[in-house]
Protein backbone atom coordinates (compact mmCIF):
# COMPACT_ATOMS: atom_id res chain seq x y z
CA MET A 1 54.84 -46.50 0.03
CA LYS A 2 57.37 -45.18 2.47
CA LEU A 3 57.12 -41.42 2.21
CA PHE A 4 59.50 -40.29 4.91
CA LYS A 5 61.38 -41.49 7.89
CA SER A 6 59.44 -38.98 9.95
CA LEU A 7 57.45 -37.04 7.53
CA VAL A 8 63.64 -8.09 9.26
CA ALA A 9 66.14 -4.82 8.01
CA ALA A 10 68.36 -4.94 11.05
CA MET A 11 66.34 -2.90 13.56
CA ALA A 12 67.54 -5.06 16.40
CA ILE A 13 71.28 -4.80 16.00
CA GLY A 14 71.43 -2.87 19.24
CA ALA A 15 69.02 -5.13 21.08
CA PHE A 16 71.93 -6.87 22.76
CA ALA A 17 75.29 -5.57 23.89
CA VAL A 18 77.85 -6.95 21.45
CA SER A 19 80.55 -8.93 23.17
CA PRO A 20 84.08 -8.37 21.85
CA ALA A 21 84.38 -12.15 21.59
CA VAL A 22 81.85 -12.19 18.78
CA THR A 23 84.24 -10.44 16.43
CA GLN A 24 85.99 -13.70 15.52
CA PRO A 25 84.66 -16.82 13.79
CA ALA A 26 82.53 -18.79 16.23
CA ALA A 27 84.53 -21.98 15.73
CA ALA A 28 87.70 -20.14 16.81
CA GLN A 29 86.16 -19.18 20.14
CA GLN A 30 85.09 -21.02 23.24
CA ILE A 31 81.65 -22.50 22.65
CA GLU A 32 79.84 -22.10 25.95
CA LYS A 33 77.33 -24.92 25.31
CA PRO A 34 78.44 -27.30 22.53
CA ASP A 35 75.84 -30.00 23.19
CA LEU A 36 72.38 -28.82 22.18
CA THR A 37 68.92 -30.26 21.72
CA LEU A 38 66.96 -28.64 18.90
CA ALA A 39 63.17 -28.96 18.73
CA ILE A 40 61.38 -28.91 15.39
CA GLY A 41 57.81 -29.64 14.35
CA GLY A 42 57.57 -31.68 11.15
CA ARG A 43 61.22 -31.94 10.19
CA VAL A 44 60.78 -33.39 6.73
CA ALA A 45 58.63 -30.54 5.44
CA LEU A 46 60.58 -28.53 2.86
CA TYR A 47 59.72 -25.54 5.07
CA TYR A 48 62.61 -26.72 7.25
CA LEU A 49 65.06 -27.74 4.51
CA PRO A 50 67.80 -25.32 5.67
CA LEU A 51 67.86 -26.98 9.08
CA ASN A 52 68.23 -30.40 7.49
CA ILE A 53 71.01 -29.17 5.21
CA ALA A 54 72.88 -27.64 8.17
CA ASP A 55 72.63 -30.96 9.98
CA LEU A 56 73.32 -33.33 7.06
CA ASN A 57 76.17 -31.29 5.59
CA GLY A 58 77.89 -31.11 8.97
CA TYR A 59 77.72 -27.33 9.31
CA PHE A 60 76.80 -27.49 13.00
CA ALA A 61 79.78 -29.75 13.64
CA GLU A 62 82.05 -27.38 11.68
CA GLU A 63 81.03 -24.65 14.10
CA GLY A 64 81.88 -26.80 17.12
CA LEU A 65 78.34 -27.90 17.94
CA ASN A 66 76.79 -31.29 18.62
CA VAL A 67 73.10 -30.80 17.82
CA ASP A 68 70.48 -33.44 18.56
CA VAL A 69 67.41 -32.72 16.41
CA VAL A 70 64.15 -33.88 18.01
CA ASP A 71 61.06 -33.92 15.80
CA PHE A 72 57.57 -33.09 17.09
CA GLN A 73 54.15 -33.26 15.44
CA GLY A 74 53.90 -29.51 14.89
CA GLY A 75 55.33 -26.11 15.75
CA SER A 76 53.28 -25.58 18.90
CA LYS A 77 54.63 -28.79 20.41
CA SER A 78 58.24 -27.93 19.60
CA VAL A 79 57.72 -24.53 21.23
CA GLN A 80 56.45 -26.28 24.35
CA ALA A 81 59.62 -28.37 24.46
CA VAL A 82 61.91 -25.33 24.55
CA VAL A 83 59.68 -23.38 26.94
CA GLY A 84 59.61 -26.43 29.20
CA GLY A 85 63.38 -26.80 29.15
CA SER A 86 63.66 -30.18 27.42
CA ALA A 87 65.23 -28.51 24.35
CA ASP A 88 67.62 -25.57 23.94
CA VAL A 89 66.98 -24.36 20.40
CA LEU A 90 63.76 -23.90 18.45
CA THR A 91 63.07 -24.19 14.75
CA SER A 92 59.58 -22.86 14.08
CA ALA A 93 57.54 -20.22 12.31
CA PHE A 94 58.61 -16.70 13.28
CA GLU A 95 55.16 -15.78 14.59
CA HIS A 96 55.76 -17.94 17.67
CA MET A 97 58.22 -15.24 18.83
CA ILE A 98 55.37 -12.74 18.99
CA VAL A 99 53.00 -15.11 20.75
CA LEU A 100 55.64 -15.99 23.32
CA LYS A 101 56.43 -12.31 23.93
CA ALA A 102 52.75 -11.62 24.56
CA LYS A 103 52.93 -14.30 27.26
CA ASN A 104 56.02 -12.65 28.83
CA GLN A 105 58.29 -15.41 27.56
CA ASP A 106 61.32 -13.85 25.89
CA PHE A 107 62.62 -15.61 22.79
CA THR A 108 64.87 -14.22 20.06
CA ALA A 109 64.85 -15.29 16.42
CA ILE A 110 68.43 -15.33 15.12
CA THR A 111 68.11 -16.67 11.56
CA LEU A 112 65.39 -16.50 8.92
CA MET A 113 65.06 -19.61 6.78
CA GLY A 114 62.00 -18.83 4.67
CA GLN A 115 61.05 -15.53 3.00
CA TYR A 116 57.40 -16.54 2.69
CA PRO A 117 55.40 -19.25 4.42
CA GLY A 118 54.89 -21.82 1.67
CA PHE A 119 51.65 -23.09 3.21
CA VAL A 120 48.86 -24.26 0.92
CA LEU A 121 45.17 -24.62 1.71
CA SER A 122 43.98 -27.66 -0.21
CA VAL A 123 40.43 -28.99 -0.40
CA THR A 124 38.91 -32.20 -1.71
CA PRO A 125 38.02 -32.28 -5.41
CA GLU A 126 34.34 -32.31 -4.43
CA LEU A 127 34.69 -29.06 -2.48
CA ALA A 128 36.85 -27.52 -5.19
CA LYS A 129 34.15 -28.01 -7.84
CA ASP A 130 31.85 -25.55 -6.09
CA TRP A 131 34.42 -23.51 -4.15
CA LYS A 132 32.95 -20.25 -2.88
CA GLY A 133 35.83 -19.23 -0.66
CA MET A 134 36.16 -19.96 3.04
CA GLU A 135 32.38 -20.13 3.45
CA SER A 136 32.63 -23.51 1.73
CA LEU A 137 34.52 -24.81 4.77
CA ARG A 138 31.81 -23.99 7.30
CA GLY A 139 31.22 -27.07 9.45
CA LYS A 140 34.07 -28.98 7.79
CA ASN A 141 37.12 -30.71 9.27
CA VAL A 142 40.38 -28.94 8.41
CA GLY A 143 43.73 -30.67 8.89
CA VAL A 144 46.75 -28.80 10.28
CA THR A 145 50.10 -30.01 11.57
CA SER A 146 48.91 -29.49 15.15
CA PRO A 147 46.38 -27.24 16.89
CA GLY A 148 47.92 -23.84 17.60
CA SER A 149 50.57 -24.25 14.91
CA SER A 150 51.25 -21.79 12.09
CA THR A 151 49.18 -23.91 9.72
CA ASN A 152 46.28 -23.55 12.18
CA LYS A 153 46.85 -19.77 12.36
CA MET A 154 46.64 -19.45 8.59
CA VAL A 155 43.23 -21.11 8.74
CA ASP A 156 42.16 -18.64 11.45
CA LEU A 157 43.36 -15.66 9.42
CA LEU A 158 41.54 -16.81 6.29
CA LEU A 159 38.32 -17.41 8.22
CA LEU A 160 38.41 -14.01 9.91
CA GLY A 161 39.14 -12.36 6.57
CA ALA A 162 35.97 -13.95 5.22
CA GLY A 163 33.86 -12.67 8.10
CA MET A 164 33.80 -16.05 9.82
CA GLU A 165 35.09 -17.33 13.15
CA PRO A 166 37.72 -20.01 13.82
CA SER A 167 34.98 -22.00 15.56
CA ASP A 168 33.15 -22.32 12.23
CA VAL A 169 35.44 -25.24 11.34
CA SER A 170 36.84 -28.19 13.25
CA ILE A 171 40.65 -28.28 13.45
CA ILE A 172 42.28 -31.71 13.24
CA GLY A 173 45.97 -32.26 13.97
CA VAL A 174 47.43 -34.57 11.32
CA GLY A 175 51.17 -33.87 11.59
CA ALA A 176 53.40 -33.27 8.59
CA GLY A 177 54.03 -36.88 7.63
CA PRO A 178 52.04 -39.80 6.23
CA GLY A 179 49.07 -38.89 8.41
CA THR A 180 48.35 -35.91 6.19
CA LEU A 181 47.60 -38.10 3.19
CA ALA A 182 45.81 -40.70 5.26
CA ALA A 183 43.49 -38.02 6.64
CA PHE A 184 42.24 -37.23 3.14
CA ARG A 185 42.07 -40.88 2.11
CA ASN A 186 39.96 -41.95 5.09
CA GLY A 187 37.72 -38.90 4.95
CA SER A 188 38.65 -37.50 8.35
CA VAL A 189 39.38 -34.08 6.78
CA GLU A 190 37.89 -32.22 3.83
CA ALA A 191 40.64 -29.60 3.72
CA ALA A 192 44.16 -29.11 5.04
CA VAL A 193 46.87 -26.49 5.31
CA GLN A 194 50.31 -27.98 4.75
CA ALA A 195 53.69 -27.12 3.26
CA ASP A 196 55.47 -29.19 0.66
CA PRO A 197 56.00 -32.04 0.14
CA ALA A 198 52.51 -32.78 1.46
CA ALA A 199 50.83 -29.99 -0.54
CA THR A 200 52.24 -31.28 -3.82
CA LEU A 201 51.45 -34.89 -2.93
CA PHE A 202 47.78 -34.04 -2.31
CA GLU A 203 47.54 -32.69 -5.84
CA LYS A 204 49.65 -35.40 -7.50
CA GLU A 205 47.58 -38.18 -5.96
CA GLY A 206 44.24 -36.51 -6.70
CA LEU A 207 43.38 -36.18 -3.02
CA ALA A 208 43.00 -32.41 -2.89
CA VAL A 209 43.20 -29.23 -4.93
CA PRO A 210 45.07 -26.05 -3.86
CA VAL A 211 42.80 -23.03 -3.37
CA VAL A 212 45.10 -20.69 -1.38
CA ASP A 213 48.86 -20.78 -1.95
CA THR A 214 51.57 -18.87 -0.04
CA ARG A 215 54.49 -20.41 -1.90
CA THR A 216 54.80 -17.16 -3.84
CA PRO A 217 55.20 -13.50 -2.82
CA GLU A 218 51.84 -12.74 -4.44
CA GLY A 219 50.04 -15.46 -2.51
CA THR A 220 51.69 -14.35 0.71
CA GLU A 221 50.59 -10.75 0.12
CA GLN A 222 47.05 -11.94 -0.54
CA VAL A 223 46.80 -13.85 2.73
CA TYR A 224 48.92 -11.79 5.12
CA GLY A 225 48.85 -8.32 3.57
CA GLY A 226 52.63 -8.05 3.27
CA PRO A 227 55.88 -10.02 3.47
CA MET A 228 55.59 -12.75 6.08
CA PRO A 229 58.61 -14.42 7.70
CA ALA A 230 58.44 -18.19 7.68
CA ALA A 231 60.70 -20.66 9.46
CA THR A 232 63.30 -19.25 11.82
CA LEU A 233 65.94 -20.53 14.20
CA SER A 234 65.44 -19.05 17.67
CA VAL A 235 66.53 -19.42 21.27
CA PRO A 236 65.38 -18.04 24.62
CA THR A 237 66.72 -14.50 25.02
CA ALA A 238 68.51 -15.56 28.20
CA PHE A 239 70.37 -18.17 26.11
CA VAL A 240 71.67 -15.46 23.76
CA LYS A 241 73.00 -13.44 26.68
CA ALA A 242 74.59 -16.43 28.42
CA ASN A 243 75.92 -18.13 25.27
CA PRO A 244 76.85 -15.54 22.62
CA ASN A 245 79.49 -17.72 20.96
CA THR A 246 77.16 -20.70 20.80
CA THR A 247 74.46 -18.46 19.34
CA GLN A 248 76.91 -17.20 16.72
CA ALA A 249 77.86 -20.78 15.86
CA LEU A 250 74.21 -21.68 15.32
CA ALA A 251 73.64 -18.69 13.05
CA SER A 252 76.86 -19.31 11.12
CA ALA A 253 75.88 -22.92 10.43
CA MET A 254 72.46 -21.86 9.20
CA VAL A 255 73.90 -19.19 6.91
CA LYS A 256 76.16 -21.85 5.38
CA ALA A 257 73.08 -23.98 4.74
CA LEU A 258 71.15 -21.11 3.16
CA LYS A 259 74.07 -20.29 0.88
CA PHE A 260 74.34 -23.93 -0.14
CA ILE A 261 70.64 -24.03 -1.04
CA ASN A 262 70.77 -20.80 -3.00
CA GLU A 263 73.96 -21.70 -4.86
CA SER A 264 73.07 -25.33 -5.64
CA THR A 265 70.75 -26.92 -8.18
CA PRO A 266 67.75 -28.91 -6.96
CA GLU A 267 69.61 -32.03 -8.07
CA GLU A 268 72.62 -31.14 -5.92
CA ILE A 269 70.38 -30.47 -2.94
CA VAL A 270 68.63 -33.82 -3.34
CA ASP A 271 72.03 -35.54 -3.38
CA VAL A 272 72.50 -34.44 0.25
CA LEU A 273 69.23 -35.95 1.45
CA PRO A 274 69.01 -39.62 2.42
CA GLU A 275 66.64 -41.72 0.34
CA ASP A 276 64.16 -42.12 3.17
CA MET A 277 63.62 -38.34 3.16
CA LEU A 278 62.55 -38.40 -0.47
CA VAL A 279 58.90 -38.76 -1.41
CA GLY A 280 58.46 -42.49 -1.79
CA GLY A 281 62.02 -42.63 -3.07
CA ASP A 282 60.89 -40.55 -6.06
CA ARG A 283 63.92 -38.36 -6.77
CA ALA A 284 62.32 -36.70 -9.80
CA LEU A 285 59.24 -35.61 -7.84
CA TYR A 286 61.36 -34.19 -5.03
CA ILE A 287 63.42 -32.21 -7.54
CA GLU A 288 60.19 -30.88 -9.05
CA MET A 289 59.04 -29.69 -5.63
CA LEU A 290 62.39 -28.09 -4.88
CA GLU A 291 62.23 -26.13 -8.12
CA LYS A 292 58.93 -24.66 -6.92
CA VAL A 293 59.96 -23.75 -3.39
CA LYS A 294 63.67 -22.91 -3.78
CA PRO A 295 63.02 -19.15 -4.28
CA ALA A 296 61.22 -19.08 -0.92
CA PHE A 297 64.41 -19.66 1.06
CA SER A 298 66.27 -16.67 2.45
CA PRO A 299 69.60 -16.00 0.71
CA ASP A 300 71.31 -14.73 3.86
CA GLY A 301 69.19 -15.39 6.97
CA VAL A 302 68.45 -11.70 7.56
CA ILE A 303 65.03 -10.98 9.08
CA PRO A 304 63.38 -7.96 7.39
CA GLU A 305 61.70 -5.38 9.61
CA ALA A 306 58.68 -5.19 7.28
CA ALA A 307 58.12 -8.94 7.60
CA VAL A 308 58.23 -8.74 11.40
CA GLU A 309 55.60 -6.00 11.28
CA THR A 310 53.37 -8.13 9.03
CA ALA A 311 53.61 -11.05 11.43
CA TYR A 312 52.68 -8.79 14.33
CA ARG A 313 49.64 -7.34 12.51
CA ALA A 314 48.47 -10.83 11.60
CA GLN A 315 48.79 -12.07 15.16
CA LYS A 316 46.92 -9.05 16.55
CA SER A 317 44.05 -9.74 14.16
CA TYR A 318 43.38 -13.32 15.25
CA ASN A 319 45.16 -13.87 18.56
CA PRO A 320 43.46 -12.26 21.59
CA ALA A 321 46.55 -12.77 23.74
CA VAL A 322 48.63 -10.64 21.37
CA ALA A 323 45.89 -8.05 20.86
CA GLU A 324 45.41 -7.65 24.62
CA ALA A 325 49.13 -7.48 25.40
CA GLY A 326 49.39 -3.88 24.21
CA GLU A 327 52.09 -2.43 21.99
CA MET A 328 55.08 -4.72 21.62
CA ASP A 329 58.76 -3.87 21.21
CA LEU A 330 59.28 -5.84 18.02
CA GLY A 331 63.02 -5.26 18.15
CA SER A 332 63.15 -7.50 21.21
CA VAL A 333 61.92 -10.63 19.41
CA TYR A 334 64.67 -10.89 16.80
CA THR A 335 68.22 -9.84 16.04
CA ASN A 336 70.23 -9.81 12.82
CA ARG A 337 73.53 -9.35 14.65
CA PHE A 338 74.63 -12.95 14.30
CA VAL A 339 73.66 -13.56 10.68
CA GLU A 340 75.23 -10.25 9.65
CA HIS A 341 78.48 -11.37 11.24
CA ALA A 342 78.19 -14.75 9.53
CA ASN A 343 77.69 -12.99 6.21
CA GLY A 344 80.79 -10.87 6.79
CA SER A 345 78.92 -7.61 7.37
């Protein structure tokens, strides 16, 4: 079965000096850098649906951009691509902004795609029968998109919350594509943290059972202790300063995509996606998954301050680099200036 072709409030408005040029629609201005490479980790995950809609519906092109989307195994690898200079734009979990800042690498999130993570911890039916919480995973292999990714960090947070250590399990990178299902089938993992469509497929095919679910506000609160920003579009801070019109064009395209998702039915959204991005060509199953996750997408791309603070607290709890970096100026890792302009604010 062919599953896939490649399976906060605006506290930072003043973080950058607003150029007078950014008072007009981006497409009507000179785009400083029209040709861009965008790095993403696990493109076909519904977590990144807004990016795919912006690309497939031609919203980047409408804003005067030619965006080449390059897919990597997981978020940590896509981050490496932008840090290393082989890509210009990053689509990843917001928490990478905080980790990068702790390493003195300045990135700025410019659009929020997901209001809550949408990650699910699933375990084999055998483990689920006698599930006693994270203690049941001691000594087990746990699949994540890639080591160091946001799926990996959710595992770390759950383990620490249970009085355990990340070293109490073995982390296995399985990507976000067919490898996730194969890992359960061949017994190389006994648990995994994934977003949809993988999370739903595990359950549908009897491979695994969900035991922790952040596809809802309640589940997100349970795991992270507050609202948690999910996927974001970001760029190096130097890029924002050098290319304000290009940055506005990126944000404007993403806001168009978010509005399309929020104003369209799951059926209309599926109509945009090519068949090889549907789960085994199963349109009905994809629509079912979209109905579950659609409320998770941001309506306007605005990054809430409270969500940024939650992400920072979470990182401090399980990431020594963040904890040892001292107090962080959270207003420096995101701005709502561009999405507010795109929304007509």
